[in-house]
Amino acid sequence: MLRSQVTVLSRNGFHLRNSMIKKPQSSSIIRVCSCPTLFQQKQHLTDSPQRVTKFKVIEANPPVSKLPSLYKELVKFKLAALVTLTTMAGYAIAPGESTVTTLIATTVGTGLCIGSANAINQWIETPYDAQMLRTRNRVLGRRALSQTHAFGFGTLTGVAGVSLLATCVNPITAALGAANVLLYTCVYTPMKRSSIANTWAGAIVGAIPPMMGYTAVTGSLSDPAAWVLGGLLYAWQFPHFNSLAWSLRADYSKAGYRMMAVTDPKLNARVSLRYSLAMFPLCIAVPYLDMTSWWFALDSTVVNGAMAWGAYKFWRSSNDKTGKQLFFGSVIHLPVLLALLMIHKRWNLQGNDNTHAALEDEEEEIEEIIQWVTDDE
């Protein structure tokens, strides 16, 4: 068998010699063979411990003290909290009678559904996450939980979330929660490796939670306001996600994900700008449907203009700088927009809310009672 001898010349270089050349008398010679002996393997591991990949043994039953932090990673807690916030905003903006109990049930039930979708998503994508620098250290990638444990947790939280929404809120909200889990895990996740249309499917997933909050109060999807709320979150996700995907395009390419930033960077930037501009008419539709005062149209124009300007710069010149500016701008944009919805919502304004109408009815009833007592005397 042919062998080569490697003579180390310096710390950063080496020289190859054919095995037929007379062996130099040097202690810095290392024999490299296509079939190294057991002794050579042990010597290599001893000499270069920094090159050894150590696999962590899966704990069949992780300590109970570790489970909360592991579950927090598994459900992508920060992302789940942001999505749950949009549900609460939809609940708060909806007209009608609401209770603290229903709000808590809606928030917890939606959070469980989101956590279920994220956990099952990580369970499906574990081999692909391991190929990406950003995700290779996730809880399943580093084998802190077993695959069975993660899938069981995701299934349990999904069933619990949908059941809670069905029993404590209403069937429509529960159906939306179940649809969102299935759409995220069975449609969006597989599509990521087959078509760039996955981004549009993922945007639907993000649009449903505020609609769940709205239907938790109204019990109906027939109100156009519910669809406008969903449309706002649907449009917002494109500049947000596409700018993030630009900085991660190398990782997505390695894992085989079909993202616009990888397959068609120009389309990626155009879509970001297109949906940033779509935020303007959607926000104008909010006061038109009597959800807020017209001050919201004015204030939201300023906020949307800032994001649209970032999307325009990203479209003119897609690079790491403009991508990061658009991404962080979108992260600030969403909570500010939701806060404006709360500030300007119509039914809290004097003379235009249900409470004021109820007070007028009570005054009329009191007048009738006084008149009845007076007449009786």
Protein backbone atom coordinates (compact mmCIF):
# COMPACT_ATOMS: atom_id res chain seq x y z
CA MET A 1 0.00 0.00 0.00
CA LEU A 2 1.30 3.43 -0.96
CA ARG A 3 1.95 5.68 1.97
CA SER A 4 3.02 9.29 2.31
CA GLN A 5 5.17 10.91 4.90
CA VAL A 6 4.32 14.37 6.17
CA THR A 7 7.25 16.44 7.29
CA VAL A 8 6.18 19.38 9.40
CA LEU A 9 8.12 22.47 8.29
CA SER A 10 6.47 25.11 10.43
CA ARG A 11 3.41 25.85 12.48
CA ASN A 12 1.38 26.82 9.43
CA GLY A 13 2.85 24.66 6.67
CA PHE A 14 3.81 21.11 5.71
CA HIS A 15 5.58 19.20 2.90
CA LEU A 16 4.60 15.86 1.31
CA ARG A 17 7.19 13.20 0.41
CA ASN A 18 6.67 9.93 -1.43
CA SER A 19 7.18 6.80 0.63
CA MET A 20 9.92 5.57 -1.74
CA ILE A 21 12.20 8.40 -0.62
CA LYS A 22 14.51 7.44 2.18
CA LYS A 23 12.92 8.10 5.54
CA PRO A 24 14.46 11.15 7.23
CA GLN A 25 15.66 10.68 10.76
CA SER A 26 13.36 13.19 12.41
CA SER A 27 10.95 13.00 15.29
CA SER A 28 8.54 15.36 13.50
CA ILE A 29 7.56 12.75 10.90
CA ILE A 30 3.94 11.55 10.98
CA ARG A 31 2.84 8.57 8.89
CA VAL A 32 -0.56 9.05 7.21
CA CYS A 33 -2.30 5.94 5.95
CA SER A 34 -5.68 5.45 4.32
CA CYS A 35 -6.22 2.74 6.95
CA PRO A 36 -4.64 4.07 10.16
CA THR A 37 -3.90 1.59 12.88
CA LEU A 38 -5.65 1.74 16.24
CA PHE A 39 -2.45 3.09 17.79
CA GLN A 40 -2.31 5.90 15.20
CA GLN A 41 -5.95 6.81 15.87
CA LYS A 42 -5.34 7.02 19.62
CA GLN A 43 -2.15 9.03 19.09
CA HIS A 44 -4.00 11.46 16.80
CA LEU A 45 -6.79 11.95 19.33
CA THR A 46 -4.23 12.51 22.08
CA ASP A 47 -2.13 14.95 20.04
CA SER A 48 -5.12 16.98 18.68
CA PRO A 49 -7.90 16.99 21.26
CA GLN A 50 -9.33 20.23 19.87
CA ARG A 51 -10.30 18.41 16.65
CA VAL A 52 -12.32 15.73 18.39
CA THR A 53 -16.09 16.00 18.08
CA LYS A 54 -17.71 14.99 21.32
CA PHE A 55 -21.29 13.75 21.13
CA LYS A 56 -23.43 14.27 24.17
CA VAL A 57 -25.32 11.20 25.29
CA ILE A 58 -29.09 11.67 25.17
CA GLU A 59 -30.64 11.63 28.61
CA ALA A 60 -33.69 9.42 28.47
CA ASN A 61 -35.14 11.25 31.48
CA PRO A 62 -33.58 14.71 31.87
CA PRO A 63 -33.68 16.11 35.41
CA VAL A 64 -36.92 17.92 36.18
CA SER A 65 -34.93 21.04 37.06
CA LYS A 66 -33.62 21.24 33.48
CA LEU A 67 -36.95 20.74 31.71
CA PRO A 68 -38.29 24.34 31.93
CA SER A 69 -35.21 25.80 30.23
CA LEU A 70 -35.17 23.02 27.62
CA TYR A 71 -38.86 23.48 26.84
CA LYS A 72 -38.30 27.22 26.61
CA GLU A 73 -35.75 26.62 23.86
CA LEU A 74 -37.89 24.00 22.16
CA VAL A 75 -40.89 26.31 21.76
CA LYS A 76 -38.70 29.29 20.71
CA PHE A 77 -40.00 31.32 23.63
CA LYS A 78 -39.13 34.83 22.37
CA LEU A 79 -40.76 34.23 19.00
CA ALA A 80 -43.79 32.62 20.64
CA ALA A 81 -44.14 35.60 23.01
CA LEU A 82 -44.12 38.05 20.09
CA VAL A 83 -46.79 36.08 18.23
CA THR A 84 -48.89 35.80 21.39
CA LEU A 85 -48.65 39.59 21.74
CA THR A 86 -50.35 39.98 18.35
CA THR A 87 -53.15 37.71 19.59
CA MET A 88 -53.65 39.89 22.64
CA ALA A 89 -53.72 42.96 20.39
CA GLY A 90 -56.45 41.37 18.28
CA TYR A 91 -58.40 40.61 21.45
CA ALA A 92 -58.03 44.17 22.73
CA ILE A 93 -59.04 45.80 19.44
CA ALA A 94 -62.17 43.67 18.99
CA PRO A 95 -65.53 45.30 19.82
CA GLY A 96 -67.78 43.57 22.25
CA GLU A 97 -67.91 42.31 25.79
CA SER A 98 -64.74 40.66 27.06
CA THR A 99 -63.68 39.12 30.35
CA VAL A 100 -60.36 38.51 32.05
CA THR A 101 -61.04 34.77 32.05
CA THR A 102 -61.53 34.69 28.29
CA LEU A 103 -58.43 36.81 27.75
CA ILE A 104 -56.30 34.47 29.85
CA ALA A 105 -57.72 31.38 28.12
CA THR A 106 -57.11 32.92 24.69
CA THR A 107 -53.55 33.93 25.53
CA VAL A 108 -52.59 30.59 27.12
CA GLY A 109 -54.36 28.51 24.47
CA THR A 110 -52.74 30.43 21.61
CA GLY A 111 -49.35 30.22 23.32
CA LEU A 112 -49.68 26.44 23.62
CA CYS A 113 -50.57 26.14 19.93
CA ILE A 114 -47.59 28.29 18.94
CA GLY A 115 -45.28 26.28 21.20
CA SER A 116 -46.58 23.04 19.69
CA ALA A 117 -45.93 24.24 16.14
CA ASN A 118 -42.40 25.37 16.99
CA ALA A 119 -41.54 22.15 18.83
CA ILE A 120 -42.74 19.89 16.01
CA ASN A 121 -40.98 22.15 13.49
CA GLN A 122 -37.68 21.63 15.30
CA TRP A 123 -38.37 17.89 15.51
CA ILE A 124 -38.80 17.75 11.71
CA GLU A 125 -35.85 20.00 10.88
CA THR A 126 -33.25 18.59 13.28
CA PRO A 127 -30.96 17.13 10.54
CA TYR A 128 -31.13 20.39 8.57
CA ASP A 129 -30.66 22.64 11.60
CA ALA A 130 -27.45 20.74 12.31
CA GLN A 131 -26.04 22.01 9.00
CA MET A 132 -26.60 25.69 9.76
CA LEU A 133 -24.38 27.78 12.00
CA ARG A 134 -27.34 29.69 13.47
CA THR A 135 -29.35 26.62 14.47
CA ARG A 136 -26.90 23.78 15.01
CA ASN A 137 -26.84 24.36 18.78
CA ARG A 138 -30.59 24.11 19.27
CA VAL A 139 -31.91 21.81 21.94
CA LEU A 140 -32.40 18.83 19.60
CA GLY A 141 -29.25 19.53 17.60
CA ARG A 142 -27.07 19.24 20.69
CA ARG A 143 -29.11 16.22 21.83
CA ALA A 144 -30.32 17.72 25.11
CA LEU A 145 -33.72 16.09 24.49
CA SER A 146 -34.60 12.96 22.59
CA GLN A 147 -36.65 13.09 19.40
CA THR A 148 -39.45 11.13 21.07
CA HIS A 149 -39.56 13.53 24.00
CA ALA A 150 -39.73 16.58 21.74
CA PHE A 151 -42.46 15.15 19.51
CA GLY A 152 -44.49 14.05 22.51
CA PHE A 153 -44.21 17.49 24.09
CA GLY A 154 -45.23 19.19 20.84
CA THR A 155 -48.24 16.92 20.40
CA LEU A 156 -49.35 17.32 24.01
CA THR A 157 -49.15 21.13 23.97
CA GLY A 158 -51.03 21.27 20.66
CA VAL A 159 -53.89 19.13 21.95
CA ALA A 160 -53.99 21.09 25.21
CA GLY A 161 -54.04 24.45 23.43
CA VAL A 162 -56.83 23.57 21.03
CA SER A 163 -58.87 21.94 23.82
CA LEU A 164 -58.52 25.01 26.04
CA LEU A 165 -59.64 27.32 23.23
CA ALA A 166 -62.59 25.07 22.39
CA THR A 167 -63.87 24.78 25.96
CA CYS A 168 -63.09 28.24 27.39
CA VAL A 169 -63.25 30.52 24.33
CA ASN A 170 -65.21 29.35 21.27
CA PRO A 171 -65.02 26.72 18.47
CA ILE A 172 -63.94 29.20 15.77
CA THR A 173 -60.88 30.32 17.71
CA ALA A 174 -60.03 26.68 18.46
CA ALA A 175 -60.34 25.78 14.76
CA LEU A 176 -58.00 28.63 13.83
CA GLY A 177 -55.48 27.42 16.42
CA ALA A 178 -55.58 23.85 15.10
CA ALA A 179 -55.33 25.09 11.49
CA ASN A 180 -52.29 27.16 12.39
CA VAL A 181 -50.43 24.20 13.93
CA LEU A 182 -51.17 22.01 10.89
CA LEU A 183 -50.31 24.75 8.41
CA TYR A 184 -46.97 25.44 10.08
CA THR A 185 -45.88 21.83 10.53
CA CYS A 186 -47.45 20.07 7.54
CA VAL A 187 -47.36 22.78 4.85
CA TYR A 188 -44.83 25.52 5.60
CA THR A 189 -42.07 23.32 7.05
CA PRO A 190 -41.91 20.80 4.14
CA MET A 191 -42.28 23.58 1.56
CA LYS A 192 -39.08 25.25 2.80
CA ARG A 193 -37.08 22.62 0.92
CA SER A 194 -39.18 22.54 -2.22
CA SER A 195 -40.47 25.98 -3.21
CA ILE A 196 -39.99 29.68 -2.47
CA ALA A 197 -43.77 29.80 -2.01
CA ASN A 198 -43.04 28.68 1.55
CA THR A 199 -42.65 32.34 2.52
CA TRP A 200 -46.25 33.09 1.53
CA ALA A 201 -47.47 30.02 3.43
CA GLY A 202 -45.47 31.10 6.48
CA ALA A 203 -46.99 34.58 6.27
CA ILE A 204 -50.47 33.05 6.59
CA VAL A 205 -49.30 31.30 9.77
CA GLY A 206 -48.29 34.65 11.23
CA ALA A 207 -51.52 36.34 10.13
CA ILE A 208 -53.84 33.95 11.98
CA PRO A 209 -52.99 34.75 15.68
CA PRO A 210 -54.41 38.33 15.68
CA MET A 211 -57.52 36.97 14.00
CA MET A 212 -57.78 34.41 16.82
CA GLY A 213 -57.73 37.24 19.34
CA TYR A 214 -60.48 39.05 17.44
CA THR A 215 -62.72 36.00 17.10
CA ALA A 216 -62.26 35.22 20.79
CA VAL A 217 -64.39 38.32 21.47
CA THR A 218 -66.73 38.41 18.47
CA GLY A 219 -67.08 34.67 17.83
CA SER A 220 -67.22 35.28 14.08
CA LEU A 221 -64.95 35.65 11.06
CA SER A 222 -67.55 37.57 9.05
CA ASP A 223 -66.32 40.94 10.32
CA PRO A 224 -63.95 42.53 7.74
CA ALA A 225 -61.94 44.03 10.60
CA ALA A 226 -60.65 40.56 11.54
CA TRP A 227 -59.28 40.08 8.03
CA VAL A 228 -57.68 43.54 8.00
CA LEU A 229 -55.84 42.68 11.22
CA GLY A 230 -54.65 39.44 9.64
CA GLY A 231 -53.63 41.37 6.53
CA LEU A 232 -51.47 43.74 8.57
CA LEU A 233 -49.49 40.88 10.07
CA TYR A 234 -49.39 39.07 6.73
CA ALA A 235 -47.82 42.05 4.94
CA TRP A 236 -45.44 42.91 7.79
CA GLN A 237 -43.77 39.50 7.70
CA PHE A 238 -42.27 39.91 4.23
CA PRO A 239 -39.91 42.83 4.94
CA HIS A 240 -39.21 41.30 8.35
CA PHE A 241 -38.38 37.77 7.18
CA ASN A 242 -36.85 38.58 3.78
CA SER A 243 -34.32 40.96 5.33
CA LEU A 244 -33.42 38.29 7.90
CA ALA A 245 -33.15 35.63 5.18
CA TRP A 246 -30.67 37.81 3.28
CA SER A 247 -28.14 37.64 6.11
CA LEU A 248 -28.75 33.89 6.51
CA ARG A 249 -28.73 32.97 2.82
CA ALA A 250 -25.47 31.03 3.06
CA ASP A 251 -26.84 28.90 5.88
CA TYR A 252 -30.14 28.33 4.06
CA SER A 253 -28.25 27.27 0.96
CA LYS A 254 -26.16 24.73 2.90
CA ALA A 255 -29.26 23.18 4.43
CA GLY A 256 -31.06 23.01 1.07
CA TYR A 257 -33.80 25.53 1.89
CA ARG A 258 -35.51 27.20 -1.07
CA MET A 259 -35.65 30.83 -0.01
CA MET A 260 -36.00 33.89 -2.22
CA ALA A 261 -32.79 35.30 -0.77
CA VAL A 262 -30.97 32.20 -2.09
CA THR A 263 -32.69 31.53 -5.43
CA ASP A 264 -33.66 35.06 -6.50
CA PRO A 265 -32.19 37.90 -4.38
CA LYS A 266 -33.78 40.61 -6.57
CA LEU A 267 -37.23 39.11 -6.07
CA ASN A 268 -36.50 38.91 -2.35
CA ALA A 269 -35.92 42.68 -2.23
CA ARG A 270 -38.88 43.52 -4.49
CA VAL A 271 -41.29 41.51 -2.37
CA SER A 272 -40.01 43.25 0.77
CA LEU A 273 -40.70 46.67 -0.75
CA ARG A 274 -44.05 45.59 -2.23
CA TYR A 275 -45.50 44.47 1.08
CA SER A 276 -44.02 47.42 2.96
CA LEU A 277 -46.06 49.66 0.67
CA ALA A 278 -49.13 47.44 1.21
CA MET A 279 -49.09 48.47 4.87
CA PHE A 280 -50.35 51.96 3.93
CA PRO A 281 -53.77 51.03 2.48
CA LEU A 282 -54.27 48.36 5.13
CA CYS A 283 -53.73 50.90 7.90
CA ILE A 284 -56.10 53.34 6.19
CA ALA A 285 -58.73 50.57 6.11
CA VAL A 286 -58.56 50.30 9.92
CA PRO A 287 -60.27 53.67 10.66
CA TYR A 288 -62.46 53.26 7.58
CA LEU A 289 -63.95 50.15 9.25
CA ASP A 290 -64.46 52.21 12.41
CA MET A 291 -61.90 50.22 14.37
CA THR A 292 -59.93 53.35 15.32
CA SER A 293 -60.10 57.10 14.90
CA TRP A 294 -58.56 58.66 11.80
CA TRP A 295 -55.59 59.72 13.87
CA PHE A 296 -54.36 56.14 13.46
CA ALA A 297 -54.14 56.65 9.69
CA LEU A 298 -51.90 59.67 10.27
CA ASP A 299 -49.66 58.12 12.93
CA SER A 300 -49.33 54.79 11.15
CA THR A 301 -48.28 56.58 7.95
CA VAL A 302 -45.22 57.92 9.76
CA VAL A 303 -44.34 54.49 11.16
CA ASN A 304 -44.99 52.70 7.86
CA GLY A 305 -43.01 55.34 6.01
CA ALA A 306 -39.93 54.56 8.08
CA MET A 307 -40.16 50.85 7.29
CA ALA A 308 -40.92 51.53 3.61
CA TRP A 309 -37.81 53.72 3.39
CA GLY A 310 -35.71 50.87 4.80
CA ALA A 311 -37.30 48.47 2.30
CA TYR A 312 -36.58 50.90 -0.54
CA LYS A 313 -32.89 51.08 0.40
CA PHE A 314 -32.80 47.29 0.65
CA TRP A 315 -34.37 47.07 -2.83
CA ARG A 316 -31.93 49.58 -4.36
CA SER A 317 -28.90 47.88 -2.83
CA SER A 318 -29.28 44.54 -1.09
CA ASN A 319 -26.35 44.12 1.29
CA ASP A 320 -25.73 43.21 4.90
CA LYS A 321 -26.08 46.81 6.08
CA THR A 322 -29.44 47.56 4.43
CA GLY A 323 -30.71 44.09 5.35
CA LYS A 324 -29.93 44.57 9.05
CA GLN A 325 -31.44 48.06 9.02
CA LEU A 326 -34.68 46.76 7.55
CA PHE A 327 -34.81 43.79 9.92
CA PHE A 328 -34.31 45.78 13.11
CA GLY A 329 -36.63 48.47 11.80
CA SER A 330 -39.37 45.86 11.35
CA VAL A 331 -38.78 44.55 14.89
CA ILE A 332 -39.46 48.05 16.25
CA HIS A 333 -42.26 48.72 13.77
CA LEU A 334 -44.66 45.96 14.91
CA PRO A 335 -45.00 46.77 18.63
CA VAL A 336 -45.28 50.49 17.81
CA LEU A 337 -48.07 49.78 15.30
CA LEU A 338 -49.92 47.57 17.80
CA ALA A 339 -49.59 50.27 20.44
CA LEU A 340 -51.11 52.83 18.06
CA LEU A 341 -54.05 50.49 17.50
CA MET A 342 -54.65 50.40 21.24
CA ILE A 343 -54.31 54.16 21.65
CA HIS A 344 -56.67 55.09 18.83
CA LYS A 345 -59.27 52.32 19.02
CA ARG A 346 -62.70 53.76 18.35
CA TRP A 347 -64.81 52.28 21.14
CA ASN A 348 -62.74 53.97 23.83
CA LEU A 349 -63.48 57.42 22.44
CA GLN A 350 -66.19 59.49 24.06
CA GLY A 351 -69.39 59.53 22.01
CA ASN A 352 -68.38 56.55 19.86
CA ASP A 353 -68.18 53.57 22.16
CA ASN A 354 -70.51 50.92 23.46
CA THR A 355 -70.02 52.08 27.04
CA HIS A 356 -71.38 55.53 26.26
CA ALA A 357 -74.43 54.03 24.56
CA ALA A 358 -75.00 51.79 27.57
CA LEU A 359 -74.85 54.79 29.88
CA GLU A 360 -77.46 56.58 27.79
CA ASP A 361 -79.75 53.53 28.05
CA GLU A 362 -79.30 53.45 31.82
CA GLU A 363 -80.17 57.15 32.07
CA GLU A 364 -83.34 56.57 30.07
CA GLU A 365 -84.32 53.70 32.35
CA ILE A 366 -83.72 55.84 35.45
CA GLU A 367 -85.86 58.62 33.98
CA GLU A 368 -88.64 56.13 33.29
CA ILE A 369 -88.48 54.83 36.86
CA ILE A 370 -88.62 58.38 38.26
CA GLN A 371 -91.55 59.21 36.00
CA TRP A 372 -93.35 56.01 37.07
CA VAL A 373 -92.86 56.81 40.77
CA THR A 374 -93.98 60.41 40.22
CA ASP A 375 -97.11 59.34 38.38
CA ASP A 376 -97.95 56.81 41.12
CA GLU A 377 -97.81 59.50 43.76
